[in-house]
N, C-alpha and C. Protein backbone atom coordinates (compact mmCIF):
# COMPACT_ATOMS: atom_id res chain seq x y z
N UNK A 1 -31.51 -14.66 16.89
CA UNK A 1 -30.47 -13.85 16.29
C UNK A 1 -30.78 -12.37 16.43
N UNK A 2 -32.03 -12.00 16.21
CA UNK A 2 -32.38 -10.58 16.28
C UNK A 2 -32.19 -10.02 17.67
N UNK A 3 -32.50 -10.81 18.70
CA UNK A 3 -32.32 -10.33 20.06
C UNK A 3 -30.85 -10.06 20.35
N UNK A 4 -30.00 -10.96 19.89
CA UNK A 4 -28.56 -10.79 20.09
C UNK A 4 -28.06 -9.55 19.34
N UNK A 5 -28.55 -9.38 18.14
CA UNK A 5 -28.18 -8.22 17.33
C UNK A 5 -28.65 -6.93 17.97
N UNK A 6 -29.88 -6.91 18.47
CA UNK A 6 -30.39 -5.72 19.14
C UNK A 6 -29.60 -5.39 20.40
N UNK A 7 -29.17 -6.42 21.12
CA UNK A 7 -28.37 -6.19 22.33
C UNK A 7 -27.03 -5.56 21.97
N UNK A 8 -26.40 -6.08 20.94
CA UNK A 8 -25.11 -5.53 20.49
C UNK A 8 -25.29 -4.09 20.00
N UNK A 9 -26.37 -3.81 19.30
CA UNK A 9 -26.66 -2.46 18.84
C UNK A 9 -26.79 -1.52 20.03
N UNK A 10 -27.51 -1.94 21.04
CA UNK A 10 -27.70 -1.10 22.22
C UNK A 10 -26.39 -0.83 22.95
N UNK A 11 -25.55 -1.85 23.05
CA UNK A 11 -24.25 -1.68 23.71
C UNK A 11 -23.41 -0.65 22.94
N UNK A 12 -23.36 -0.79 21.64
CA UNK A 12 -22.58 0.14 20.83
C UNK A 12 -23.17 1.55 20.86
N UNK A 13 -24.48 1.64 20.87
CA UNK A 13 -25.13 2.95 20.92
C UNK A 13 -24.76 3.69 22.20
N UNK A 14 -24.79 2.98 23.31
CA UNK A 14 -24.43 3.59 24.59
C UNK A 14 -22.95 3.99 24.61
N UNK A 15 -22.12 3.12 24.08
CA UNK A 15 -20.69 3.40 24.04
C UNK A 15 -20.40 4.63 23.17
N UNK A 16 -21.08 4.70 22.04
CA UNK A 16 -20.90 5.84 21.14
C UNK A 16 -21.36 7.13 21.80
N UNK A 17 -22.48 7.09 22.48
CA UNK A 17 -22.96 8.28 23.20
C UNK A 17 -21.96 8.73 24.25
N UNK A 18 -21.40 7.78 24.98
CA UNK A 18 -20.42 8.09 26.03
C UNK A 18 -19.19 8.74 25.42
N UNK A 19 -18.63 8.12 24.40
CA UNK A 19 -17.44 8.67 23.77
C UNK A 19 -17.72 9.99 23.06
N UNK A 20 -18.90 10.12 22.49
CA UNK A 20 -19.27 11.35 21.80
C UNK A 20 -19.33 12.56 22.73
N UNK A 21 -19.56 12.32 23.99
CA UNK A 21 -19.63 13.42 24.96
C UNK A 21 -18.24 13.85 25.44
N UNK A 22 -17.28 12.94 25.36
CA UNK A 22 -15.96 13.25 25.91
C UNK A 22 -14.87 13.39 24.86
N UNK A 23 -15.16 13.02 23.63
CA UNK A 23 -14.15 13.07 22.57
C UNK A 23 -14.72 13.80 21.35
N UNK A 24 -13.83 14.20 20.49
CA UNK A 24 -14.26 14.81 19.24
C UNK A 24 -14.89 13.74 18.35
N UNK A 25 -15.84 14.15 17.56
CA UNK A 25 -16.54 13.19 16.70
C UNK A 25 -15.65 12.61 15.61
N UNK A 26 -14.50 13.22 15.37
CA UNK A 26 -13.57 12.67 14.38
C UNK A 26 -12.51 11.78 15.03
N UNK A 27 -12.59 11.58 16.34
CA UNK A 27 -11.69 10.67 17.03
C UNK A 27 -11.80 9.29 16.39
N UNK A 28 -10.67 8.64 16.19
CA UNK A 28 -10.66 7.35 15.47
C UNK A 28 -11.53 6.29 16.15
N UNK A 29 -11.55 6.28 17.47
CA UNK A 29 -12.37 5.28 18.17
C UNK A 29 -13.86 5.59 18.01
N UNK A 30 -14.23 6.85 18.03
CA UNK A 30 -15.62 7.25 17.82
C UNK A 30 -16.07 6.85 16.42
N UNK A 31 -15.21 7.11 15.44
CA UNK A 31 -15.53 6.76 14.05
C UNK A 31 -15.65 5.24 13.90
N UNK A 32 -14.75 4.50 14.52
CA UNK A 32 -14.79 3.04 14.44
C UNK A 32 -16.08 2.47 15.04
N UNK A 33 -16.47 2.96 16.20
CA UNK A 33 -17.70 2.51 16.84
C UNK A 33 -18.90 2.88 15.97
N UNK A 34 -18.89 4.08 15.44
CA UNK A 34 -19.99 4.53 14.60
C UNK A 34 -20.14 3.66 13.36
N UNK A 35 -19.03 3.31 12.74
CA UNK A 35 -19.08 2.45 11.55
C UNK A 35 -19.57 1.05 11.89
N UNK A 36 -19.12 0.54 13.03
CA UNK A 36 -19.59 -0.78 13.44
C UNK A 36 -21.09 -0.76 13.73
N UNK A 37 -21.54 0.30 14.40
CA UNK A 37 -22.96 0.44 14.69
C UNK A 37 -23.77 0.56 13.40
N UNK A 38 -23.28 1.34 12.45
CA UNK A 38 -23.97 1.45 11.15
C UNK A 38 -24.13 0.09 10.48
N UNK A 39 -23.06 -0.71 10.52
CA UNK A 39 -23.11 -2.04 9.92
C UNK A 39 -24.15 -2.92 10.59
N UNK A 40 -24.21 -2.87 11.92
CA UNK A 40 -25.19 -3.69 12.64
C UNK A 40 -26.60 -3.21 12.38
N UNK A 41 -26.79 -1.90 12.29
CA UNK A 41 -28.12 -1.37 11.99
C UNK A 41 -28.57 -1.78 10.59
N UNK A 42 -27.65 -1.76 9.64
CA UNK A 42 -27.97 -2.22 8.28
C UNK A 42 -28.33 -3.70 8.28
N UNK A 43 -27.56 -4.49 9.03
CA UNK A 43 -27.84 -5.93 9.13
C UNK A 43 -29.21 -6.17 9.74
N UNK A 44 -29.54 -5.43 10.79
CA UNK A 44 -30.85 -5.57 11.43
C UNK A 44 -31.97 -5.18 10.47
N UNK A 45 -31.77 -4.09 9.74
CA UNK A 45 -32.80 -3.64 8.79
C UNK A 45 -33.04 -4.69 7.71
N UNK A 46 -31.97 -5.30 7.23
CA UNK A 46 -32.13 -6.37 6.22
C UNK A 46 -32.90 -7.55 6.80
N UNK A 47 -32.58 -7.92 8.03
CA UNK A 47 -33.26 -9.06 8.67
C UNK A 47 -34.75 -8.77 8.84
N UNK A 48 -35.08 -7.56 9.25
CA UNK A 48 -36.48 -7.19 9.45
C UNK A 48 -37.21 -7.15 8.10
N UNK A 49 -36.54 -6.65 7.08
CA UNK A 49 -37.15 -6.58 5.74
C UNK A 49 -37.45 -7.98 5.21
N UNK A 50 -36.54 -8.90 5.41
CA UNK A 50 -36.74 -10.28 4.95
C UNK A 50 -37.91 -10.91 5.68
N UNK A 51 -38.02 -10.66 6.99
CA UNK A 51 -39.14 -11.18 7.76
C UNK A 51 -40.45 -10.64 7.23
N UNK A 52 -40.50 -9.35 6.93
CA UNK A 52 -41.74 -8.74 6.45
C UNK A 52 -42.10 -9.30 5.08
N UNK A 53 -41.12 -9.51 4.23
CA UNK A 53 -41.39 -10.05 2.90
C UNK A 53 -41.87 -11.50 2.99
N UNK A 54 -41.28 -12.27 3.90
CA UNK A 54 -41.69 -13.66 4.00
C UNK A 54 -43.06 -13.81 4.64
N UNK A 55 -43.52 -12.78 5.31
CA UNK A 55 -44.86 -12.79 5.90
C UNK A 55 -45.91 -12.83 4.79
N UNK A 56 -45.66 -12.11 3.71
CA UNK A 56 -46.61 -12.04 2.61
C UNK A 56 -46.45 -13.26 1.77
């Protein structure tokens, strides 16, 4: 699951960088991608935190 999540994060990160260079940062598509990326990053952080806690 984490590999799939990291792949999706990377795809969105690249897409956001591309759009950020050609569009205003308040463009609705830029904001939408940014929000989706934030959600995935939060999900990944939670998954990593749970793994670290279960290690102990």
